């Protein structure tokens, strides 16, 4: 992943409260990692990180997750340059750069992994990428508005 950042990606919940600190909470709107997240740092870009995983709704209500509203924060709580999505692969949009309808249809946002509706007990693929700044410290967490997911330190380095 070359110079891809993980720009503010937040999750809004249809349900009210909740905390998804990565554990097994069963509150409305709670997220947790489904399995162990894989976290990598780039060999050529030592300040860049990527997490690939599945997230699971351990709450009691359906979540409406919007990737563009997630915020990756460093250990000091500062927002980092980042991007994220709910997909494991690249998908090309249906509309050209000058043809995008406003607003983009919900089905297109869901297909591209930019938005997801996550029922209780369901899981979806997830990725986030971010760049640590000069004053950033690990560990980081993904803030989704009503809670956050703690991201482990990198478990591997990409090959040269």
N, C-alpha and C. Protein backbone atom coordinates (compact mmCIF):
# COMPACT_ATOMS: atom_id res chain seq x y z
N UNK A 1 0.84 -1.16 0.00
CA UNK A 1 0.00 0.00 0.00
C UNK A 1 0.89 1.22 0.00
N UNK A 2 0.95 1.89 -1.10
CA UNK A 2 1.82 3.05 -1.24
C UNK A 2 1.07 4.30 -0.86
N UNK A 3 1.59 4.94 0.16
CA UNK A 3 1.12 6.24 0.59
C UNK A 3 -0.38 6.33 0.81
N UNK A 4 -1.01 5.19 0.98
CA UNK A 4 -2.44 5.23 1.28
C UNK A 4 -2.60 5.61 2.74
N UNK A 5 -3.40 6.53 3.00
CA UNK A 5 -3.67 6.94 4.37
C UNK A 5 -5.05 6.47 4.76
N UNK A 6 -5.34 6.44 6.00
CA UNK A 6 -6.64 6.00 6.48
C UNK A 6 -7.41 7.22 6.96
N UNK A 7 -8.00 7.96 6.01
CA UNK A 7 -8.67 9.22 6.32
C UNK A 7 -9.89 8.97 7.16
N UNK A 8 -10.17 9.88 7.96
CA UNK A 8 -11.25 9.82 8.93
C UNK A 8 -12.35 8.85 8.57
N UNK A 9 -12.42 7.77 9.30
CA UNK A 9 -13.44 6.79 9.02
C UNK A 9 -14.19 6.55 10.31
N UNK A 10 -15.40 6.96 10.36
CA UNK A 10 -16.17 6.84 11.59
C UNK A 10 -17.39 6.01 11.37
N UNK A 11 -17.92 5.53 12.43
CA UNK A 11 -19.09 4.69 12.35
C UNK A 11 -20.19 5.34 13.15
N UNK A 12 -21.34 5.52 12.53
CA UNK A 12 -22.48 6.01 13.28
C UNK A 12 -23.40 4.83 13.55
N UNK A 13 -24.05 4.87 14.64
CA UNK A 13 -24.89 3.75 15.02
C UNK A 13 -26.36 4.11 14.91
N UNK A 14 -27.13 3.17 14.41
CA UNK A 14 -28.58 3.30 14.43
C UNK A 14 -29.03 3.18 15.87
N UNK A 15 -28.38 2.26 16.59
CA UNK A 15 -28.68 2.10 18.00
C UNK A 15 -27.99 3.19 18.80
N UNK A 16 -28.45 3.42 19.98
CA UNK A 16 -27.88 4.48 20.80
C UNK A 16 -26.51 4.11 21.33
N UNK A 17 -26.36 3.90 22.60
CA UNK A 17 -25.06 3.77 23.24
C UNK A 17 -24.32 2.52 22.84
N UNK A 18 -23.10 2.42 23.35
CA UNK A 18 -22.33 1.22 23.11
C UNK A 18 -20.85 1.50 23.19
N UNK A 19 -20.13 0.47 23.50
CA UNK A 19 -18.68 0.56 23.53
C UNK A 19 -18.15 -0.70 22.92
N UNK A 20 -17.23 -0.59 22.01
CA UNK A 20 -16.74 -1.79 21.34
C UNK A 20 -15.27 -1.95 21.51
N UNK A 21 -14.74 -1.71 22.64
CA UNK A 21 -13.32 -1.73 22.87
C UNK A 21 -12.59 -2.97 22.42
N UNK A 22 -13.20 -3.77 21.57
CA UNK A 22 -12.55 -4.94 21.06
C UNK A 22 -12.86 -6.16 21.90
N UNK A 23 -13.56 -5.98 22.99
CA UNK A 23 -13.87 -7.08 23.88
C UNK A 23 -15.18 -7.74 23.53
N UNK A 24 -15.85 -8.27 24.54
CA UNK A 24 -17.06 -9.04 24.30
C UNK A 24 -18.28 -8.34 24.87
N UNK A 25 -18.30 -7.02 24.94
CA UNK A 25 -19.46 -6.29 25.44
C UNK A 25 -20.70 -6.59 24.61
N UNK A 26 -21.86 -6.57 25.25
CA UNK A 26 -23.10 -6.88 24.53
C UNK A 26 -24.06 -5.71 24.65
N UNK A 27 -23.57 -4.52 24.44
CA UNK A 27 -24.37 -3.31 24.48
C UNK A 27 -24.89 -3.01 23.09
N UNK A 28 -25.94 -2.19 22.99
CA UNK A 28 -26.38 -1.78 21.66
C UNK A 28 -25.25 -1.06 20.93
N UNK A 29 -25.02 -1.40 19.70
CA UNK A 29 -24.03 -0.70 18.90
C UNK A 29 -22.59 -1.03 19.21
N UNK A 30 -22.30 -2.18 19.79
CA UNK A 30 -20.92 -2.51 20.17
C UNK A 30 -20.22 -3.31 19.07
N UNK A 31 -18.98 -2.91 18.75
CA UNK A 31 -18.16 -3.63 17.77
C UNK A 31 -17.02 -4.33 18.48
N UNK A 32 -16.58 -5.44 17.88
CA UNK A 32 -15.42 -6.17 18.37
C UNK A 32 -14.70 -6.77 17.17
N UNK A 33 -13.43 -7.09 17.35
CA UNK A 33 -12.71 -7.81 16.30
C UNK A 33 -13.27 -9.22 16.25
N UNK A 34 -13.47 -9.74 15.05
CA UNK A 34 -13.88 -11.13 14.87
C UNK A 34 -12.60 -11.88 14.49
N UNK A 35 -11.96 -12.50 15.44
CA UNK A 35 -10.66 -13.10 15.22
C UNK A 35 -9.57 -12.08 15.50
N UNK A 36 -8.34 -12.48 15.22
CA UNK A 36 -7.19 -11.60 15.49
C UNK A 36 -6.92 -10.71 14.29
N UNK A 37 -6.89 -9.39 14.49
CA UNK A 37 -6.56 -8.50 13.37
C UNK A 37 -5.09 -8.62 12.99
N UNK A 38 -4.81 -8.54 11.70
CA UNK A 38 -3.44 -8.54 11.20
C UNK A 38 -3.02 -7.10 10.96
N UNK A 39 -1.90 -6.70 11.53
CA UNK A 39 -1.43 -5.33 11.42
C UNK A 39 -0.03 -5.37 10.81
N UNK A 40 0.17 -4.59 9.76
CA UNK A 40 1.45 -4.57 9.05
C UNK A 40 2.00 -3.16 8.99
N UNK A 41 3.32 -3.06 8.91
CA UNK A 41 3.96 -1.80 8.60
C UNK A 41 4.72 -2.00 7.30
N UNK A 42 4.82 -0.96 6.51
CA UNK A 42 5.48 -1.03 5.22
C UNK A 42 6.99 -0.97 5.37
N UNK A 43 7.70 -1.83 4.65
CA UNK A 43 9.16 -1.82 4.68
C UNK A 43 9.70 -0.49 4.16
N UNK A 44 9.11 0.00 3.05
CA UNK A 44 9.58 1.24 2.43
C UNK A 44 9.00 2.50 3.05
N UNK A 45 7.89 2.37 3.75
CA UNK A 45 7.24 3.52 4.39
C UNK A 45 7.04 3.18 5.87
N UNK A 46 8.08 3.34 6.68
CA UNK A 46 8.05 2.84 8.06
C UNK A 46 7.02 3.49 8.98
N UNK A 47 6.40 4.58 8.57
CA UNK A 47 5.39 5.23 9.41
C UNK A 47 3.98 4.84 9.01
N UNK A 48 3.84 4.06 7.93
CA UNK A 48 2.52 3.63 7.46
C UNK A 48 2.14 2.30 8.09
N UNK A 49 0.85 2.14 8.38
CA UNK A 49 0.33 0.92 8.97
C UNK A 49 -0.96 0.53 8.26
N UNK A 50 -1.25 -0.78 8.27
CA UNK A 50 -2.50 -1.31 7.72
C UNK A 50 -2.99 -2.39 8.66
N UNK A 51 -4.28 -2.37 8.97
CA UNK A 51 -4.91 -3.46 9.71
C UNK A 51 -5.94 -4.09 8.79
N UNK A 52 -5.95 -5.43 8.76
CA UNK A 52 -6.91 -6.20 7.97
C UNK A 52 -7.58 -7.17 8.94
N UNK A 53 -8.90 -7.19 8.94
CA UNK A 53 -9.61 -8.02 9.90
C UNK A 53 -11.08 -8.14 9.51
N UNK A 54 -11.84 -8.74 10.38
CA UNK A 54 -13.30 -8.70 10.32
C UNK A 54 -13.75 -8.02 11.62
N UNK A 55 -14.81 -7.23 11.53
CA UNK A 55 -15.43 -6.67 12.73
C UNK A 55 -16.80 -7.31 12.89
N UNK A 56 -17.19 -7.47 14.15
CA UNK A 56 -18.46 -8.13 14.45
C UNK A 56 -19.30 -7.24 15.36
N UNK A 57 -20.59 -7.22 15.09
CA UNK A 57 -21.53 -6.49 15.94
C UNK A 57 -21.89 -7.39 17.11
N UNK A 58 -21.37 -7.08 18.29
CA UNK A 58 -21.67 -7.86 19.49
C UNK A 58 -22.79 -7.20 20.30
N UNK A 59 -23.39 -6.19 19.70
CA UNK A 59 -24.48 -5.49 20.36
C UNK A 59 -25.82 -6.13 20.05
N UNK A 60 -26.87 -5.43 20.44
CA UNK A 60 -28.23 -5.94 20.29
C UNK A 60 -29.00 -5.25 19.18
N UNK A 61 -28.40 -4.25 18.54
CA UNK A 61 -29.07 -3.49 17.50
C UNK A 61 -28.22 -3.43 16.24
N UNK A 62 -28.88 -3.26 15.10
CA UNK A 62 -28.17 -3.12 13.83
C UNK A 62 -27.37 -1.83 13.82
N UNK A 63 -26.14 -1.91 13.32
CA UNK A 63 -25.29 -0.73 13.19
C UNK A 63 -25.29 -0.26 11.75
N UNK A 64 -25.27 1.02 11.56
CA UNK A 64 -25.08 1.65 10.25
C UNK A 64 -23.69 2.24 10.29
N UNK A 65 -22.73 1.61 9.61
CA UNK A 65 -21.33 2.00 9.69
C UNK A 65 -20.93 2.74 8.43
N UNK A 66 -20.34 3.91 8.59
CA UNK A 66 -19.91 4.74 7.47
C UNK A 66 -18.40 4.90 7.55
N UNK A 67 -17.70 4.28 6.60
CA UNK A 67 -16.23 4.26 6.63
C UNK A 67 -15.62 5.66 6.67
N UNK A 68 -16.17 6.60 5.95
CA UNK A 68 -15.60 7.95 5.88
C UNK A 68 -15.66 8.70 7.21
N UNK A 69 -16.40 8.19 8.16
CA UNK A 69 -16.52 8.87 9.46
C UNK A 69 -15.69 8.24 10.56
N UNK A 70 -15.00 7.15 10.27
CA UNK A 70 -14.13 6.55 11.27
C UNK A 70 -12.91 7.43 11.46
N UNK A 71 -12.37 7.43 12.66
CA UNK A 71 -11.18 8.21 12.96
C UNK A 71 -10.16 7.29 13.63
N UNK A 72 -8.97 7.21 13.05
CA UNK A 72 -7.88 6.47 13.68
C UNK A 72 -7.14 7.45 14.56
N UNK A 73 -6.98 7.10 15.84
CA UNK A 73 -6.34 7.98 16.81
C UNK A 73 -5.10 7.31 17.39
N UNK A 74 -4.08 8.12 17.66
CA UNK A 74 -2.86 7.58 18.26
C UNK A 74 -3.04 7.45 19.77
N UNK A 75 -1.98 7.02 20.45
CA UNK A 75 -2.03 6.80 21.90
C UNK A 75 -2.37 8.06 22.67
N UNK A 76 -2.11 9.24 22.08
CA UNK A 76 -2.44 10.50 22.73
C UNK A 76 -3.83 11.01 22.35
N UNK A 77 -4.56 10.25 21.55
CA UNK A 77 -5.90 10.66 21.14
C UNK A 77 -5.96 11.54 19.91
N UNK A 78 -4.81 11.82 19.29
CA UNK A 78 -4.78 12.67 18.10
C UNK A 78 -5.25 11.89 16.87
N UNK A 79 -6.06 12.54 16.03
CA UNK A 79 -6.51 11.93 14.78
C UNK A 79 -5.34 11.83 13.82
N UNK A 80 -5.24 10.68 13.14
CA UNK A 80 -4.17 10.44 12.17
C UNK A 80 -4.73 10.47 10.76
N UNK A 81 -3.88 10.80 9.80
CA UNK A 81 -4.27 10.74 8.39
C UNK A 81 -4.54 9.26 8.08
N UNK A 82 -5.76 8.96 7.58
CA UNK A 82 -6.14 7.57 7.44
C UNK A 82 -7.26 7.37 6.42
N UNK A 83 -7.50 6.10 6.09
CA UNK A 83 -8.66 5.71 5.28
C UNK A 83 -9.06 4.31 5.69
N UNK A 84 -10.29 3.92 5.35
CA UNK A 84 -10.76 2.59 5.74
C UNK A 84 -11.92 2.17 4.87
N UNK A 85 -12.31 0.92 5.00
CA UNK A 85 -13.46 0.41 4.26
C UNK A 85 -13.87 -0.95 4.77
N UNK A 86 -15.02 -1.38 4.32
CA UNK A 86 -15.58 -2.65 4.72
C UNK A 86 -15.57 -3.60 3.53
N UNK A 87 -14.37 -3.94 3.10
CA UNK A 87 -14.18 -4.82 1.95
C UNK A 87 -12.80 -5.43 2.02
N UNK A 88 -12.59 -6.52 1.30
CA UNK A 88 -11.27 -7.13 1.26
C UNK A 88 -10.64 -7.02 -0.11
N UNK A 89 -11.30 -6.33 -1.02
CA UNK A 89 -10.80 -6.23 -2.38
C UNK A 89 -11.14 -4.87 -2.98
N UNK A 90 -10.52 -4.54 -4.07
CA UNK A 90 -10.81 -3.29 -4.76
C UNK A 90 -12.07 -3.47 -5.61
N UNK A 91 -12.91 -2.48 -5.62
CA UNK A 91 -14.09 -2.47 -6.50
C UNK A 91 -14.16 -1.10 -7.16
N UNK A 92 -14.35 -1.08 -8.44
CA UNK A 92 -14.45 0.16 -9.20
C UNK A 92 -15.88 0.70 -9.12
N UNK A 93 -16.01 2.00 -8.93
CA UNK A 93 -17.34 2.61 -8.89
C UNK A 93 -18.04 2.54 -10.23
N UNK A 94 -19.35 2.64 -10.21
CA UNK A 94 -20.15 2.58 -11.42
C UNK A 94 -20.18 3.88 -12.19
N UNK A 95 -19.79 4.98 -11.54
CA UNK A 95 -19.92 6.29 -12.15
C UNK A 95 -18.55 6.89 -12.42
N UNK A 96 -18.43 7.62 -13.52
CA UNK A 96 -17.20 8.34 -13.83
C UNK A 96 -17.02 9.53 -12.92
N UNK A 97 -15.85 10.13 -12.98
CA UNK A 97 -15.52 11.24 -12.08
C UNK A 97 -16.50 12.40 -12.20
N UNK A 98 -17.01 12.65 -13.40
CA UNK A 98 -17.93 13.77 -13.61
C UNK A 98 -19.39 13.33 -13.73
N UNK A 99 -19.65 12.07 -13.45
CA UNK A 99 -21.00 11.53 -13.59
C UNK A 99 -21.62 11.11 -12.26
N UNK A 100 -20.93 11.29 -11.16
CA UNK A 100 -21.44 10.83 -9.87
C UNK A 100 -22.72 11.56 -9.51
N UNK A 101 -23.76 10.80 -9.21
CA UNK A 101 -24.99 11.44 -8.74
C UNK A 101 -24.77 11.95 -7.32
N UNK A 102 -25.53 12.94 -6.95
CA UNK A 102 -25.46 13.47 -5.60
C UNK A 102 -26.84 13.44 -4.99
N UNK A 103 -27.08 12.59 -4.04
CA UNK A 103 -26.14 11.70 -3.38
C UNK A 103 -25.92 10.41 -4.17
N UNK A 104 -24.80 9.73 -3.88
CA UNK A 104 -24.51 8.43 -4.49
C UNK A 104 -25.51 7.44 -3.91
N UNK A 105 -26.11 6.58 -4.76
CA UNK A 105 -27.10 5.61 -4.27
C UNK A 105 -26.53 4.72 -3.16
N UNK A 106 -27.37 4.40 -2.18
CA UNK A 106 -26.95 3.58 -1.05
C UNK A 106 -26.40 2.23 -1.50
N UNK A 107 -27.02 1.63 -2.50
CA UNK A 107 -26.55 0.32 -2.98
C UNK A 107 -25.11 0.41 -3.49
N UNK A 108 -24.75 1.52 -4.13
CA UNK A 108 -23.38 1.70 -4.63
C UNK A 108 -22.40 1.86 -3.46
N UNK A 109 -22.77 2.61 -2.44
CA UNK A 109 -21.91 2.78 -1.27
C UNK A 109 -21.69 1.46 -0.54
N UNK A 110 -22.73 0.65 -0.45
CA UNK A 110 -22.62 -0.66 0.20
C UNK A 110 -21.74 -1.58 -0.64
N UNK A 111 -21.93 -1.60 -1.95
CA UNK A 111 -21.15 -2.45 -2.84
C UNK A 111 -19.67 -2.13 -2.77
N UNK A 112 -19.34 -0.86 -2.62
CA UNK A 112 -17.94 -0.43 -2.56
C UNK A 112 -17.31 -0.54 -1.16
N UNK A 113 -18.09 -0.95 -0.17
CA UNK A 113 -17.57 -1.08 1.19
C UNK A 113 -17.43 0.23 1.92
N UNK A 114 -18.12 1.26 1.45
CA UNK A 114 -18.06 2.57 2.11
C UNK A 114 -19.11 2.70 3.20
N UNK A 115 -20.14 1.87 3.12
CA UNK A 115 -21.23 1.86 4.09
C UNK A 115 -21.63 0.41 4.30
N UNK A 116 -22.01 0.08 5.53
CA UNK A 116 -22.50 -1.27 5.81
C UNK A 116 -23.57 -1.19 6.88
N UNK A 117 -24.54 -2.07 6.77
CA UNK A 117 -25.54 -2.28 7.82
C UNK A 117 -25.19 -3.61 8.46
N UNK A 118 -24.88 -3.59 9.75
CA UNK A 118 -24.37 -4.77 10.43
C UNK A 118 -25.35 -5.21 11.51
N UNK A 119 -26.02 -6.34 11.25
CA UNK A 119 -27.01 -6.88 12.19
C UNK A 119 -26.30 -7.46 13.41
N UNK A 120 -27.01 -7.59 14.53
CA UNK A 120 -26.41 -8.20 15.72
C UNK A 120 -25.86 -9.59 15.39
N UNK A 121 -24.63 -9.85 15.81
CA UNK A 121 -24.00 -11.15 15.57
C UNK A 121 -23.30 -11.27 14.22
N UNK A 122 -23.57 -10.36 13.29
CA UNK A 122 -22.97 -10.44 11.95
C UNK A 122 -21.58 -9.82 11.96
N UNK A 123 -20.76 -10.25 10.97
CA UNK A 123 -19.43 -9.67 10.82
C UNK A 123 -19.19 -9.31 9.37
N UNK A 124 -18.27 -8.37 9.14
CA UNK A 124 -17.91 -7.93 7.79
C UNK A 124 -16.41 -7.75 7.73
N UNK A 125 -15.83 -7.85 6.52
CA UNK A 125 -14.41 -7.56 6.38
C UNK A 125 -14.16 -6.08 6.63
N UNK A 126 -12.95 -5.79 7.09
CA UNK A 126 -12.60 -4.41 7.44
C UNK A 126 -11.11 -4.20 7.18
N UNK A 127 -10.78 -3.02 6.69
CA UNK A 127 -9.38 -2.62 6.61
C UNK A 127 -9.28 -1.15 7.03
N UNK A 128 -8.13 -0.81 7.53
CA UNK A 128 -7.83 0.59 7.83
C UNK A 128 -6.33 0.78 7.56
N UNK A 129 -5.99 1.93 7.05
CA UNK A 129 -4.59 2.28 6.79
C UNK A 129 -4.35 3.67 7.33
N UNK A 130 -3.20 3.89 7.93
CA UNK A 130 -2.91 5.21 8.50
C UNK A 130 -1.42 5.48 8.48
N UNK A 131 -1.09 6.73 8.67
CA UNK A 131 0.30 7.17 8.73
C UNK A 131 0.52 7.83 10.08
N UNK A 132 1.54 7.35 10.78
CA UNK A 132 1.93 7.97 12.05
C UNK A 132 2.63 9.28 11.76
N UNK A 133 2.28 10.31 12.48
CA UNK A 133 2.92 11.60 12.33
C UNK A 133 4.20 11.67 13.14
N UNK A 134 4.92 12.79 13.05
CA UNK A 134 6.19 12.92 13.77
C UNK A 134 6.06 12.83 15.29
N UNK A 135 4.89 13.16 15.81
CA UNK A 135 4.68 13.13 17.27
C UNK A 135 3.70 12.05 17.68
N UNK A 136 3.32 11.17 16.75
CA UNK A 136 2.36 10.10 17.04
C UNK A 136 3.02 8.96 17.78
N UNK A 137 2.22 8.32 18.63
CA UNK A 137 2.70 7.15 19.36
C UNK A 137 1.69 6.01 19.20
N UNK A 138 2.22 4.79 19.10
CA UNK A 138 1.36 3.62 19.12
C UNK A 138 1.13 3.24 20.57
N UNK A 139 0.09 2.50 20.90
CA UNK A 139 -0.89 1.90 20.00
C UNK A 139 -1.94 2.90 19.55
N UNK A 140 -2.65 2.51 18.51
CA UNK A 140 -3.72 3.34 17.98
C UNK A 140 -5.05 2.63 18.20
N UNK A 141 -6.12 3.38 18.01
CA UNK A 141 -7.45 2.77 18.06
C UNK A 141 -8.33 3.41 16.99
N UNK A 142 -9.32 2.65 16.55
CA UNK A 142 -10.28 3.12 15.55
C UNK A 142 -11.52 3.58 16.29
N UNK A 143 -11.76 4.87 16.24
CA UNK A 143 -12.91 5.50 16.91
C UNK A 143 -14.10 5.46 15.96
N UNK A 144 -15.19 4.81 16.37
CA UNK A 144 -16.37 4.76 15.52
C UNK A 144 -17.55 5.52 16.12
N UNK A 145 -17.26 6.50 16.94
CA UNK A 145 -18.29 7.39 17.43
C UNK A 145 -18.84 7.02 18.79
N UNK A 146 -19.32 5.80 18.96
CA UNK A 146 -19.89 5.37 20.23
C UNK A 146 -18.98 4.38 20.94
N UNK A 147 -17.79 4.22 20.43
CA UNK A 147 -16.81 3.30 21.01
C UNK A 147 -15.57 3.29 20.15
N UNK A 148 -14.67 2.38 20.47
CA UNK A 148 -13.45 2.27 19.67
C UNK A 148 -12.92 0.84 19.72
N UNK A 149 -12.11 0.53 18.72
CA UNK A 149 -11.45 -0.77 18.62
C UNK A 149 -9.96 -0.55 18.81
N UNK A 150 -9.36 -1.19 19.79
CA UNK A 150 -7.92 -1.09 20.01
C UNK A 150 -7.21 -1.90 18.92
N UNK A 151 -6.22 -1.29 18.29
CA UNK A 151 -5.45 -1.94 17.23
C UNK A 151 -4.13 -2.42 17.83
N UNK A 152 -3.83 -3.72 17.68
CA UNK A 152 -2.54 -4.21 18.20
C UNK A 152 -1.37 -3.59 17.43
N UNK A 153 -0.19 -3.68 17.99
CA UNK A 153 1.02 -3.22 17.30
C UNK A 153 1.25 -4.08 16.06
N UNK A 154 2.00 -3.58 15.08
CA UNK A 154 2.24 -4.36 13.86
C UNK A 154 2.80 -5.74 14.13
N UNK A 155 2.27 -6.72 13.40
CA UNK A 155 2.69 -8.11 13.57
C UNK A 155 3.63 -8.54 12.44
N UNK A 156 3.80 -7.69 11.45
CA UNK A 156 4.67 -8.04 10.33
C UNK A 156 5.09 -6.82 9.55
N UNK A 157 6.09 -7.02 8.69
CA UNK A 157 6.60 -5.96 7.83
C UNK A 157 6.45 -6.45 6.39
N UNK A 158 5.97 -5.58 5.52
CA UNK A 158 5.84 -5.97 4.12
C UNK A 158 7.21 -6.20 3.51
N UNK A 159 7.27 -7.08 2.52
CA UNK A 159 8.54 -7.40 1.86
C UNK A 159 9.03 -6.22 1.04
N UNK A 160 10.31 -6.21 0.78
CA UNK A 160 10.93 -5.15 -0.01
C UNK A 160 10.56 -5.27 -1.46
